[in-house]
């Protein structure tokens, strides 16, 4: 998502060393919260990109999904990160420290699931 057309003209001409990141107006989607149902009730679930792959977090279930599933009329909130932050290899924990007592269990589940899939596909003989 390029927001350069909405940037103030004065910001486009800044020359300080910090201004390069300020002038960066390209953002990438990294999460979407979805809602199904009606105004009176419904269900929320999310799509989150982790290590370049998308996952659906739905209650206690976590499943890989294709990028083509991300754009839908169910999107309720969409989260973006400025591309220059990602290019600098910063991670979200640099900006949002983990809450006391919180765990990375969902990420661990995803990584374990990905590892199991890689192992099972490596053991499978080619079908060609």
Foldseek 3Di string as FASTA:
>chain_A
DAPQVVDDPVLCPDDDPVSVLVNQRDKDWFKFWFWDDDPVDTAIWMWGDDPNWIWIGGPPDIDTDDPVPHDDPRTDDIDIDRVVCVVVVDDVCVVPPDDPPDDPVVVVVVVVVVVVVVVVVVPDDDPD
